[in-house]
Protein backbone atom coordinates (compact mmCIF):
# COMPACT_ATOMS: atom_id res chain seq x y z
CA MET A 1 3.21 -33.37 37.60
CA SER A 2 1.72 -34.69 40.85
CA ILE A 3 -1.04 -32.92 42.73
CA GLU A 4 1.38 -32.27 45.57
CA THR A 5 3.79 -30.55 43.21
CA SER A 6 0.99 -28.56 41.63
CA TRP A 7 -0.22 -27.43 45.06
CA ALA A 8 3.29 -26.58 46.22
CA ASN A 9 3.92 -24.52 43.10
CA MET A 10 0.60 -22.67 43.32
CA PRO A 11 0.90 -19.12 44.66
CA LYS A 12 -0.23 -18.80 48.28
CA GLN A 13 -2.97 -16.33 47.41
CA GLU A 14 -4.39 -18.73 44.81
CA ARG A 15 -4.40 -21.58 47.35
CA SER A 16 -6.22 -19.38 49.81
CA GLU A 17 -8.85 -18.42 47.22
CA LEU A 18 -9.36 -22.07 46.27
CA LEU A 19 -9.89 -23.10 49.89
CA THR A 20 -12.38 -20.26 50.34
CA LYS A 21 -14.35 -21.50 47.31
CA VAL A 22 -14.38 -25.01 48.76
CA ALA A 23 -15.69 -23.66 52.07
CA ASP A 24 -18.44 -21.74 50.23
CA LEU A 25 -19.46 -24.87 48.32
CA LEU A 26 -19.64 -26.91 51.52
CA LEU A 27 -21.98 -24.37 53.08
CA ASP A 28 -24.06 -24.02 49.93
CA ARG A 29 -24.55 -27.80 49.76
CA LYS A 30 -24.81 -28.41 53.50
CA VAL A 31 -28.24 -30.06 53.37
CA GLU A 32 -27.26 -32.33 50.50
CA TYR A 33 -24.11 -33.49 52.27
CA ALA A 34 -25.86 -33.78 55.62
CA GLU A 35 -28.25 -36.28 54.03
CA LEU A 36 -25.42 -38.29 52.44
CA ILE A 37 -23.13 -38.64 55.43
CA PRO A 38 -25.47 -40.82 57.53
CA LYS A 39 -26.04 -43.11 54.54
CA GLU A 40 -22.34 -43.52 53.82
CA MET A 41 -20.81 -43.30 57.29
CA GLY A 42 -23.66 -44.05 59.67
CA LYS A 43 -23.36 -40.77 61.56
CA PRO A 44 -26.49 -39.16 62.98
CA ILE A 45 -27.81 -36.28 60.90
CA LEU A 46 -27.11 -33.66 63.59
CA GLN A 47 -23.51 -34.80 63.87
CA SER A 48 -23.25 -34.67 60.09
CA ILE A 49 -24.48 -31.08 60.01
CA SER A 50 -22.02 -30.16 62.73
CA GLU A 51 -19.14 -31.69 60.77
CA ILE A 52 -20.10 -29.78 57.63
CA GLU A 53 -20.41 -26.49 59.50
CA LYS A 54 -16.89 -26.93 60.90
CA CYS A 55 -15.36 -27.37 57.46
CA PRO A 56 -15.67 -23.73 56.41
CA LEU A 57 -13.24 -22.96 59.19
CA VAL A 58 -10.83 -23.63 56.35
CA ARG A 59 -11.26 -19.92 55.74
CA LEU A 60 -9.20 -19.32 58.85
CA SER A 61 -6.35 -21.04 57.09
CA LYS A 62 -6.00 -17.96 54.92
CA SER A 63 -3.53 -16.67 57.46
CA LEU A 64 -1.38 -19.72 56.74
CA PHE A 65 -1.12 -18.71 53.11
CA ALA A 66 -0.74 -14.97 53.52
């Protein structure tokens, strides 16, 4: 089974909970990721932090899965 099929077959509530966990992990590891992004992508550290802080907006996607 492909990942797309698995995702499509996953109940909406479960998808929402998974995305919330991902958002929490991004915030919990913000400093770690903010230090990696400039090394891998060449972005300034402040831009990296900003990008990471935007990612938890995934939580807003809950309404898409409700």
